[in-house]
N, C-alpha and C. Protein backbone atom coordinates (compact mmCIF):
# COMPACT_ATOMS: atom_id res chain seq x y z
N MET A 1 -0.76 -27.87 -181.86
CA MET A 1 -1.33 -26.68 -181.26
C MET A 1 -0.67 -26.41 -179.90
N ARG A 2 -0.53 -27.46 -179.08
CA ARG A 2 0.08 -27.28 -177.77
C ARG A 2 1.53 -26.84 -177.89
N ILE A 3 2.21 -27.37 -178.89
CA ILE A 3 3.61 -27.00 -179.09
C ILE A 3 3.71 -25.52 -179.45
N ALA A 4 2.79 -25.05 -180.28
CA ALA A 4 2.79 -23.63 -180.66
C ALA A 4 2.56 -22.74 -179.44
N VAL A 5 1.64 -23.15 -178.58
CA VAL A 5 1.37 -22.37 -177.37
C VAL A 5 2.60 -22.35 -176.47
N LEU A 6 3.24 -23.51 -176.31
CA LEU A 6 4.45 -23.57 -175.48
C LEU A 6 5.57 -22.71 -176.08
N LEU A 7 5.69 -22.73 -177.40
CA LEU A 7 6.72 -21.92 -178.05
C LEU A 7 6.47 -20.43 -177.82
N VAL A 8 5.23 -20.01 -177.95
CA VAL A 8 4.89 -18.60 -177.72
C VAL A 8 5.17 -18.22 -176.27
N LEU A 9 4.81 -19.11 -175.34
CA LEU A 9 5.08 -18.83 -173.93
C LEU A 9 6.58 -18.76 -173.66
N ALA A 10 7.35 -19.64 -174.29
CA ALA A 10 8.80 -19.62 -174.11
C ALA A 10 9.39 -18.33 -174.66
N LEU A 11 8.90 -17.89 -175.81
CA LEU A 11 9.39 -16.63 -176.38
C LEU A 11 9.01 -15.44 -175.51
N ALA A 12 7.84 -15.51 -174.91
CA ALA A 12 7.40 -14.41 -174.06
C ALA A 12 8.17 -14.37 -172.75
N ALA A 13 8.62 -15.53 -172.27
CA ALA A 13 9.29 -15.60 -170.98
C ALA A 13 10.77 -15.26 -171.05
N CYS A 14 11.38 -15.34 -172.22
CA CYS A 14 12.82 -15.07 -172.34
C CYS A 14 13.09 -13.58 -172.28
N ASN A 15 14.00 -13.21 -171.40
CA ASN A 15 14.38 -11.81 -171.28
C ASN A 15 15.59 -11.57 -172.17
N PRO A 16 15.47 -10.76 -173.22
CA PRO A 16 16.59 -10.56 -174.14
C PRO A 16 17.79 -9.90 -173.48
N VAL A 17 17.57 -9.04 -172.50
CA VAL A 17 18.69 -8.38 -171.82
C VAL A 17 19.51 -9.41 -171.05
N ALA A 18 18.85 -10.34 -170.40
CA ALA A 18 19.56 -11.39 -169.67
C ALA A 18 20.33 -12.29 -170.63
N ARG A 19 19.75 -12.57 -171.80
CA ARG A 19 20.47 -13.39 -172.80
C ARG A 19 21.70 -12.66 -173.32
N ILE A 20 21.59 -11.35 -173.56
CA ILE A 20 22.73 -10.57 -174.03
C ILE A 20 23.83 -10.60 -172.97
N SER A 21 23.46 -10.41 -171.73
CA SER A 21 24.44 -10.41 -170.64
C SER A 21 25.12 -11.77 -170.53
N ALA A 22 24.34 -12.84 -170.59
CA ALA A 22 24.91 -14.19 -170.48
C ALA A 22 25.85 -14.47 -171.66
N ASN A 23 25.45 -14.07 -172.86
CA ASN A 23 26.31 -14.30 -174.03
C ASN A 23 27.60 -13.47 -173.94
N ALA A 24 27.50 -12.23 -173.49
CA ALA A 24 28.70 -11.40 -173.34
C ALA A 24 29.64 -11.99 -172.30
N THR A 25 29.09 -12.53 -171.23
CA THR A 25 29.93 -13.18 -170.21
C THR A 25 30.61 -14.41 -170.78
N ALA A 26 29.88 -15.20 -171.57
CA ALA A 26 30.47 -16.39 -172.19
C ALA A 26 31.59 -15.99 -173.15
N ILE A 27 31.38 -14.92 -173.90
CA ILE A 27 32.42 -14.45 -174.84
C ILE A 27 33.65 -14.00 -174.06
N ARG A 28 33.45 -13.30 -172.96
CA ARG A 28 34.60 -12.87 -172.15
C ARG A 28 35.34 -14.07 -171.57
N ASN A 29 34.62 -15.08 -171.14
CA ASN A 29 35.28 -16.29 -170.61
C ASN A 29 36.10 -16.98 -171.70
N GLU A 30 35.53 -17.08 -172.90
CA GLU A 30 36.27 -17.69 -174.02
C GLU A 30 37.50 -16.86 -174.39
N ALA A 31 37.34 -15.52 -174.37
CA ALA A 31 38.47 -14.64 -174.68
C ALA A 31 39.57 -14.79 -173.63
N GLY A 32 39.17 -14.92 -172.37
CA GLY A 32 40.16 -15.14 -171.31
C GLY A 32 40.91 -16.44 -171.50
N ALA A 33 40.20 -17.49 -171.92
CA ALA A 33 40.86 -18.78 -172.18
C ALA A 33 41.83 -18.64 -173.35
N LEU A 34 41.44 -17.90 -174.38
CA LEU A 34 42.35 -17.67 -175.52
C LEU A 34 43.58 -16.86 -175.10
N ILE A 35 43.40 -15.87 -174.25
CA ILE A 35 44.54 -15.08 -173.77
C ILE A 35 45.50 -15.98 -173.01
N ASP A 36 44.96 -16.83 -172.14
CA ASP A 36 45.81 -17.77 -171.40
C ASP A 36 46.54 -18.71 -172.34
N HIS A 37 45.85 -19.21 -173.34
CA HIS A 37 46.47 -20.12 -174.31
C HIS A 37 47.54 -19.40 -175.12
N GLY A 38 47.26 -18.16 -175.54
CA GLY A 38 48.23 -17.37 -176.30
C GLY A 38 49.46 -17.07 -175.48
N ASN A 39 49.30 -16.75 -174.21
CA ASN A 39 50.45 -16.50 -173.33
C ASN A 39 51.27 -17.77 -173.12
N ALA A 40 50.57 -18.92 -173.01
CA ALA A 40 51.28 -20.18 -172.79
C ALA A 40 52.08 -20.59 -174.02
N THR A 41 51.55 -20.31 -175.21
CA THR A 41 52.25 -20.70 -176.43
C THR A 41 53.13 -19.58 -176.97
N GLY A 42 53.01 -18.39 -176.42
CA GLY A 42 53.81 -17.27 -176.87
C GLY A 42 53.29 -16.64 -178.15
N ASP A 43 52.04 -16.87 -178.48
CA ASP A 43 51.44 -16.33 -179.71
C ASP A 43 50.79 -14.99 -179.39
N GLN A 44 51.45 -13.90 -179.69
CA GLN A 44 50.96 -12.57 -179.36
C GLN A 44 49.79 -12.14 -180.23
N VAL A 45 49.68 -12.69 -181.43
CA VAL A 45 48.54 -12.35 -182.31
C VAL A 45 47.25 -12.84 -181.67
N VAL A 46 47.28 -14.05 -181.13
CA VAL A 46 46.11 -14.60 -180.46
C VAL A 46 45.79 -13.78 -179.21
N VAL A 47 46.80 -13.39 -178.47
CA VAL A 47 46.59 -12.61 -177.26
C VAL A 47 45.96 -11.26 -177.60
N GLN A 48 46.47 -10.59 -178.65
CA GLN A 48 45.92 -9.28 -179.03
C GLN A 48 44.48 -9.41 -179.52
N GLY A 49 44.20 -10.43 -180.34
CA GLY A 49 42.83 -10.63 -180.84
C GLY A 49 41.87 -10.96 -179.71
N ALA A 50 42.30 -11.81 -178.79
CA ALA A 50 41.44 -12.17 -177.66
C ALA A 50 41.23 -10.98 -176.74
N THR A 51 42.23 -10.15 -176.60
CA THR A 51 42.10 -8.94 -175.77
C THR A 51 41.07 -7.99 -176.38
N ARG A 52 41.09 -7.83 -177.71
CA ARG A 52 40.09 -6.98 -178.37
C ARG A 52 38.68 -7.56 -178.19
N ILE A 53 38.57 -8.86 -178.33
CA ILE A 53 37.26 -9.51 -178.14
C ILE A 53 36.77 -9.27 -176.72
N ASP A 54 37.69 -9.41 -175.73
CA ASP A 54 37.33 -9.20 -174.33
C ASP A 54 36.89 -7.75 -174.09
N GLU A 55 37.58 -6.81 -174.72
CA GLU A 55 37.20 -5.40 -174.57
C GLU A 55 35.83 -5.11 -175.17
N HIS A 56 35.53 -5.71 -176.33
CA HIS A 56 34.21 -5.52 -176.95
C HIS A 56 33.11 -6.13 -176.07
N ALA A 57 33.37 -7.30 -175.51
CA ALA A 57 32.38 -7.93 -174.63
C ALA A 57 32.19 -7.10 -173.36
N ALA A 58 33.30 -6.51 -172.85
CA ALA A 58 33.19 -5.64 -171.68
C ALA A 58 32.36 -4.41 -172.02
N ALA A 59 32.51 -3.89 -173.24
CA ALA A 59 31.70 -2.74 -173.67
C ALA A 59 30.22 -3.11 -173.73
N ILE A 60 29.94 -4.33 -174.16
CA ILE A 60 28.54 -4.79 -174.18
C ILE A 60 27.99 -4.79 -172.76
N HIS A 61 28.77 -5.30 -171.82
CA HIS A 61 28.32 -5.29 -170.41
C HIS A 61 28.09 -3.87 -169.93
N GLY A 62 28.92 -2.93 -170.38
CA GLY A 62 28.74 -1.53 -169.98
C GLY A 62 27.49 -0.91 -170.56
N ASP A 63 27.06 -1.39 -171.74
CA ASP A 63 25.87 -0.83 -172.40
C ASP A 63 24.56 -1.47 -171.92
N ILE A 64 24.66 -2.59 -171.24
CA ILE A 64 23.44 -3.33 -170.85
C ILE A 64 22.50 -2.51 -169.96
N PRO A 65 22.99 -1.70 -169.01
CA PRO A 65 22.03 -0.93 -168.18
C PRO A 65 21.14 0.02 -168.99
N SER A 66 21.57 0.43 -170.16
CA SER A 66 20.74 1.34 -170.96
C SER A 66 19.82 0.60 -171.93
N VAL A 67 19.90 -0.73 -171.94
CA VAL A 67 19.05 -1.53 -172.83
C VAL A 67 17.75 -1.87 -172.10
N GLN A 68 16.63 -1.75 -172.81
CA GLN A 68 15.33 -2.09 -172.24
C GLN A 68 14.76 -3.28 -172.99
N ALA A 69 14.17 -4.20 -172.23
CA ALA A 69 13.47 -5.33 -172.85
C ALA A 69 12.09 -4.85 -173.27
N VAL A 70 11.80 -4.90 -174.56
CA VAL A 70 10.52 -4.44 -175.09
C VAL A 70 9.79 -5.64 -175.66
N THR A 71 8.55 -5.81 -175.24
CA THR A 71 7.72 -6.89 -175.76
C THR A 71 7.24 -6.50 -177.15
N PRO A 72 7.41 -7.38 -178.14
CA PRO A 72 6.93 -7.05 -179.49
C PRO A 72 5.41 -6.82 -179.50
N ALA A 73 4.97 -5.98 -180.39
CA ALA A 73 3.55 -5.65 -180.46
C ALA A 73 2.69 -6.88 -180.73
N TRP A 74 3.16 -7.79 -181.60
CA TRP A 74 2.36 -8.97 -181.92
C TRP A 74 2.22 -9.87 -180.69
N LEU A 75 3.28 -9.92 -179.85
CA LEU A 75 3.21 -10.76 -178.67
C LEU A 75 2.30 -10.14 -177.61
N SER A 76 2.33 -8.83 -177.51
CA SER A 76 1.44 -8.15 -176.58
C SER A 76 -0.02 -8.36 -177.00
N THR A 77 -0.28 -8.25 -178.29
CA THR A 77 -1.63 -8.50 -178.79
C THR A 77 -2.05 -9.93 -178.53
N LEU A 78 -1.15 -10.87 -178.75
CA LEU A 78 -1.44 -12.28 -178.50
C LEU A 78 -1.73 -12.53 -177.02
N GLN A 79 -1.00 -11.87 -176.15
CA GLN A 79 -1.25 -12.02 -174.72
C GLN A 79 -2.64 -11.50 -174.36
N TRP A 80 -3.03 -10.34 -174.90
CA TRP A 80 -4.36 -9.81 -174.60
C TRP A 80 -5.47 -10.69 -175.14
N TRP A 81 -5.24 -11.25 -176.33
CA TRP A 81 -6.23 -12.19 -176.88
C TRP A 81 -6.34 -13.42 -175.99
N GLY A 82 -5.20 -13.90 -175.51
CA GLY A 82 -5.21 -15.06 -174.61
C GLY A 82 -5.98 -14.77 -173.34
N ILE A 83 -5.78 -13.59 -172.79
CA ILE A 83 -6.50 -13.21 -171.57
C ILE A 83 -8.00 -13.12 -171.86
N ALA A 84 -8.36 -12.53 -173.01
CA ALA A 84 -9.78 -12.40 -173.36
C ALA A 84 -10.43 -13.77 -173.54
N VAL A 85 -9.73 -14.69 -174.20
CA VAL A 85 -10.27 -16.04 -174.40
C VAL A 85 -10.41 -16.75 -173.06
N ALA A 86 -9.43 -16.58 -172.18
CA ALA A 86 -9.51 -17.21 -170.86
C ALA A 86 -10.69 -16.68 -170.06
N VAL A 87 -10.89 -15.37 -170.09
CA VAL A 87 -12.02 -14.77 -169.36
C VAL A 87 -13.34 -15.26 -169.95
N ALA A 88 -13.43 -15.32 -171.27
CA ALA A 88 -14.66 -15.80 -171.91
C ALA A 88 -14.90 -17.26 -171.56
N GLY A 89 -13.84 -18.06 -171.54
CA GLY A 89 -13.99 -19.47 -171.19
C GLY A 89 -14.44 -19.65 -169.76
N ILE A 90 -13.88 -18.87 -168.85
CA ILE A 90 -14.29 -18.95 -167.44
C ILE A 90 -15.75 -18.52 -167.29
N ALA A 91 -16.13 -17.45 -167.99
CA ALA A 91 -17.53 -17.00 -167.93
C ALA A 91 -18.47 -18.06 -168.49
N PHE A 92 -18.07 -18.71 -169.58
CA PHE A 92 -18.90 -19.76 -170.18
C PHE A 92 -19.06 -20.92 -169.21
N LEU A 93 -17.96 -21.36 -168.62
CA LEU A 93 -18.03 -22.48 -167.66
C LEU A 93 -18.86 -22.11 -166.44
N ALA A 94 -18.69 -20.90 -165.94
CA ALA A 94 -19.46 -20.47 -164.77
C ALA A 94 -20.95 -20.42 -165.09
N TRP A 95 -21.28 -19.92 -166.27
CA TRP A 95 -22.68 -19.80 -166.66
C TRP A 95 -23.33 -21.17 -166.82
N ASN A 96 -22.60 -22.09 -167.45
CA ASN A 96 -23.18 -23.40 -167.73
C ASN A 96 -23.07 -24.38 -166.58
N SER A 97 -22.28 -24.08 -165.57
CA SER A 97 -22.15 -25.02 -164.46
C SER A 97 -23.18 -24.77 -163.37
N GLY A 98 -23.97 -23.75 -163.49
CA GLY A 98 -24.98 -23.45 -162.49
C GLY A 98 -24.62 -22.26 -161.63
N ILE A 99 -23.36 -21.88 -161.63
CA ILE A 99 -22.97 -20.71 -160.86
C ILE A 99 -23.63 -19.47 -161.44
N GLY A 100 -23.74 -19.44 -162.76
CA GLY A 100 -24.42 -18.31 -163.41
C GLY A 100 -25.87 -18.22 -162.99
N THR A 101 -26.54 -19.35 -162.88
CA THR A 101 -27.93 -19.37 -162.45
C THR A 101 -28.04 -18.85 -161.02
N PHE A 102 -27.10 -19.26 -160.17
CA PHE A 102 -27.09 -18.78 -158.79
C PHE A 102 -27.00 -17.25 -158.75
N PHE A 103 -26.08 -16.68 -159.54
CA PHE A 103 -25.93 -15.22 -159.55
C PHE A 103 -27.15 -14.54 -160.16
N ARG A 104 -27.75 -15.15 -161.20
CA ARG A 104 -28.95 -14.55 -161.78
C ARG A 104 -30.08 -14.50 -160.75
N ILE A 105 -30.24 -15.58 -159.99
CA ILE A 105 -31.29 -15.61 -158.97
C ILE A 105 -30.96 -14.62 -157.86
N ALA A 106 -29.68 -14.54 -157.48
CA ALA A 106 -29.27 -13.64 -156.39
C ALA A 106 -29.54 -12.18 -156.73
N ILE A 107 -29.34 -11.79 -157.99
CA ILE A 107 -29.57 -10.38 -158.35
C ILE A 107 -30.99 -10.15 -158.87
N GLY A 108 -31.76 -11.22 -159.00
CA GLY A 108 -33.16 -11.09 -159.41
C GLY A 108 -33.37 -11.01 -160.91
N TRP A 109 -32.40 -11.44 -161.66
CA TRP A 109 -32.51 -11.41 -163.12
C TRP A 109 -33.03 -12.76 -163.60
N LEU A 110 -34.34 -12.86 -163.81
CA LEU A 110 -34.97 -14.11 -164.24
C LEU A 110 -35.53 -13.93 -165.64
N PRO A 111 -35.43 -14.97 -166.49
CA PRO A 111 -35.97 -14.87 -167.84
C PRO A 111 -37.49 -14.68 -167.83
N ARG A 112 -37.99 -13.90 -168.78
CA ARG A 112 -39.43 -13.61 -168.83
C ARG A 112 -40.26 -14.88 -168.97
N ARG A 113 -39.79 -15.81 -169.79
CA ARG A 113 -40.56 -17.04 -170.01
C ARG A 113 -40.70 -17.82 -168.70
N LYS A 114 -39.64 -17.85 -167.89
CA LYS A 114 -39.71 -18.58 -166.61
C LYS A 114 -40.64 -17.85 -165.64
N VAL A 115 -40.60 -16.53 -165.63
CA VAL A 115 -41.48 -15.76 -164.75
C VAL A 115 -42.94 -15.97 -165.16
N ALA A 116 -43.20 -15.95 -166.47
CA ALA A 116 -44.58 -16.16 -166.95
C ALA A 116 -45.06 -17.57 -166.60
N ALA A 117 -44.17 -18.57 -166.74
CA ALA A 117 -44.55 -19.94 -166.39
C ALA A 117 -44.82 -20.06 -164.90
N ALA A 118 -44.02 -19.41 -164.09
CA ALA A 118 -44.23 -19.47 -162.64
C ALA A 118 -45.54 -18.80 -162.25
N GLU A 119 -45.85 -17.66 -162.86
CA GLU A 119 -47.11 -16.98 -162.55
C GLU A 119 -48.31 -17.83 -162.97
N LEU A 120 -48.21 -18.48 -164.15
CA LEU A 120 -49.32 -19.33 -164.59
C LEU A 120 -49.45 -20.55 -163.69
N ALA A 121 -48.33 -21.09 -163.21
CA ALA A 121 -48.38 -22.24 -162.29
C ALA A 121 -49.07 -21.84 -160.98
N VAL A 122 -48.74 -20.65 -160.48
CA VAL A 122 -49.40 -20.17 -159.26
C VAL A 122 -50.90 -19.99 -159.51
N ASP A 123 -51.24 -19.41 -160.67
CA ASP A 123 -52.66 -19.23 -161.00
C ASP A 123 -53.37 -20.57 -161.17
N THR A 124 -52.68 -21.56 -161.69
CA THR A 124 -53.28 -22.89 -161.88
C THR A 124 -53.59 -23.54 -160.53
N LEU A 125 -52.72 -23.32 -159.55
CA LEU A 125 -52.94 -23.90 -158.23
C LEU A 125 -54.03 -23.17 -157.46
N ASP A 126 -54.31 -21.92 -157.82
CA ASP A 126 -55.36 -21.14 -157.15
C ASP A 126 -56.71 -21.55 -157.76
N GLU A 127 -57.54 -22.17 -156.95
CA GLU A 127 -58.81 -22.70 -157.47
C GLU A 127 -59.82 -21.59 -157.82
N SER A 128 -59.60 -20.40 -157.32
CA SER A 128 -60.53 -19.31 -157.64
C SER A 128 -60.23 -18.70 -159.01
N ARG A 129 -59.11 -19.08 -159.61
CA ARG A 129 -58.72 -18.54 -160.92
C ARG A 129 -59.19 -19.48 -162.02
N PRO A 130 -59.50 -18.95 -163.20
CA PRO A 130 -60.02 -19.80 -164.28
C PRO A 130 -58.93 -20.58 -165.02
N GLU A 131 -57.63 -20.23 -164.83
CA GLU A 131 -56.58 -20.92 -165.56
C GLU A 131 -56.53 -22.38 -165.12
N GLY A 132 -56.33 -23.24 -166.09
CA GLY A 132 -56.30 -24.66 -165.79
C GLY A 132 -54.98 -25.28 -166.23
N ASP A 133 -54.97 -26.59 -166.15
CA ASP A 133 -53.75 -27.33 -166.49
C ASP A 133 -53.41 -27.18 -167.97
N ARG A 134 -54.42 -27.08 -168.81
CA ARG A 134 -54.15 -26.97 -170.24
C ARG A 134 -53.36 -25.70 -170.58
N GLU A 135 -53.70 -24.60 -169.93
CA GLU A 135 -52.96 -23.37 -170.18
C GLU A 135 -51.50 -23.50 -169.75
N LEU A 136 -51.28 -24.18 -168.64
CA LEU A 136 -49.91 -24.37 -168.16
C LEU A 136 -49.13 -25.25 -169.12
N VAL A 137 -49.75 -26.32 -169.60
CA VAL A 137 -49.08 -27.20 -170.57
C VAL A 137 -48.80 -26.45 -171.86
N THR A 138 -49.73 -25.63 -172.30
CA THR A 138 -49.53 -24.84 -173.52
C THR A 138 -48.34 -23.90 -173.36
N LEU A 139 -48.24 -23.26 -172.22
CA LEU A 139 -47.12 -22.36 -171.98
C LEU A 139 -45.80 -23.15 -171.95
N LEU A 140 -45.81 -24.27 -171.27
CA LEU A 140 -44.58 -25.07 -171.19
C LEU A 140 -44.16 -25.59 -172.56
N ARG A 141 -45.13 -25.89 -173.41
CA ARG A 141 -44.81 -26.42 -174.74
C ARG A 141 -44.27 -25.36 -175.68
N SER A 142 -44.30 -24.10 -175.27
CA SER A 142 -43.68 -23.06 -176.10
C SER A 142 -42.15 -23.15 -176.08
N ASP A 143 -41.60 -23.89 -175.11
CA ASP A 143 -40.17 -24.15 -175.06
C ASP A 143 -39.90 -25.35 -175.99
N PRO A 144 -39.05 -25.19 -177.03
CA PRO A 144 -38.83 -26.26 -178.00
C PRO A 144 -38.30 -27.56 -177.37
N GLU A 145 -37.43 -27.46 -176.38
CA GLU A 145 -36.91 -28.67 -175.74
C GLU A 145 -38.01 -29.40 -174.97
N PHE A 146 -38.81 -28.62 -174.22
CA PHE A 146 -39.91 -29.23 -173.49
C PHE A 146 -40.92 -29.84 -174.44
N ASP A 147 -41.19 -29.15 -175.54
CA ASP A 147 -42.15 -29.65 -176.52
C ASP A 147 -41.69 -30.99 -177.10
N ALA A 148 -40.41 -31.10 -177.44
CA ALA A 148 -39.90 -32.36 -177.98
C ALA A 148 -40.00 -33.48 -176.94
N ALA A 149 -39.65 -33.18 -175.69
CA ALA A 149 -39.77 -34.19 -174.63
C ALA A 149 -41.23 -34.56 -174.38
N PHE A 150 -42.12 -33.58 -174.48
CA PHE A 150 -43.55 -33.83 -174.28
C PHE A 150 -44.09 -34.76 -175.36
N LYS A 151 -43.72 -34.49 -176.62
CA LYS A 151 -44.18 -35.35 -177.72
C LYS A 151 -43.66 -36.77 -177.57
N ARG A 152 -42.40 -36.91 -177.16
CA ARG A 152 -41.83 -38.25 -176.97
C ARG A 152 -42.56 -39.00 -175.85
N ALA A 153 -42.82 -38.31 -174.73
CA ALA A 153 -43.53 -38.94 -173.61
C ALA A 153 -44.96 -39.30 -174.01
N LYS A 154 -45.58 -38.43 -174.78
CA LYS A 154 -46.96 -38.70 -175.22
C LYS A 154 -46.98 -39.90 -176.16
N GLY A 155 -45.96 -40.01 -177.04
CA GLY A 155 -45.89 -41.15 -177.94
C GLY A 155 -45.66 -42.44 -177.19
N ARG A 156 -44.84 -42.42 -176.15
CA ARG A 156 -44.61 -43.63 -175.33
C ARG A 156 -45.89 -44.06 -174.61
N ARG A 157 -46.65 -43.08 -174.13
CA ARG A 157 -47.90 -43.40 -173.43
C ARG A 157 -48.89 -44.07 -174.37
N LYS A 158 -48.95 -43.62 -175.62
CA LYS A 158 -49.88 -44.20 -176.58
C LYS A 158 -49.50 -45.64 -176.90
N THR A 159 -48.17 -45.92 -177.00
CA THR A 159 -47.75 -47.28 -177.30
C THR A 159 -47.91 -48.21 -176.11
N GLN A 160 -47.92 -47.67 -174.88
CA GLN A 160 -48.06 -48.50 -173.69
C GLN A 160 -49.51 -48.91 -173.47
N THR A 161 -50.46 -48.13 -173.95
CA THR A 161 -51.87 -48.46 -173.71
C THR A 161 -52.51 -49.15 -174.87
């Protein structure tokens, strides 16, 4: 999986115009070496062929300013998906690390169940109100995680006595 990601990143980072220019320069250098070798050995066929190759490579260099590097549609789509996954991952980590809770409290967005539990807790502490501890426990037990922990604690208490 990591190799595939690195391969996609490498493909996305390569500029095709720069590769064309580098290859055309390499071809011209090789053609120049062939021209020198042909002149040294007196082989005019090699010199003429290398000169044509050099002219074609020079023409490629002349055409490079009109060439545009275009990102393939599949790679552009893959990049956007990568950005979306990264944003979702950051949001998930922020939400579950407590930063999300901080922002929820800061903007006043509290879950209804927590608000109802807080109001019942305040009413339980107020001695003029009829709500008692049993109502608070009943409300807290409506949360499945709390209910499971409550049953486990209650079972331990029974075995201890």
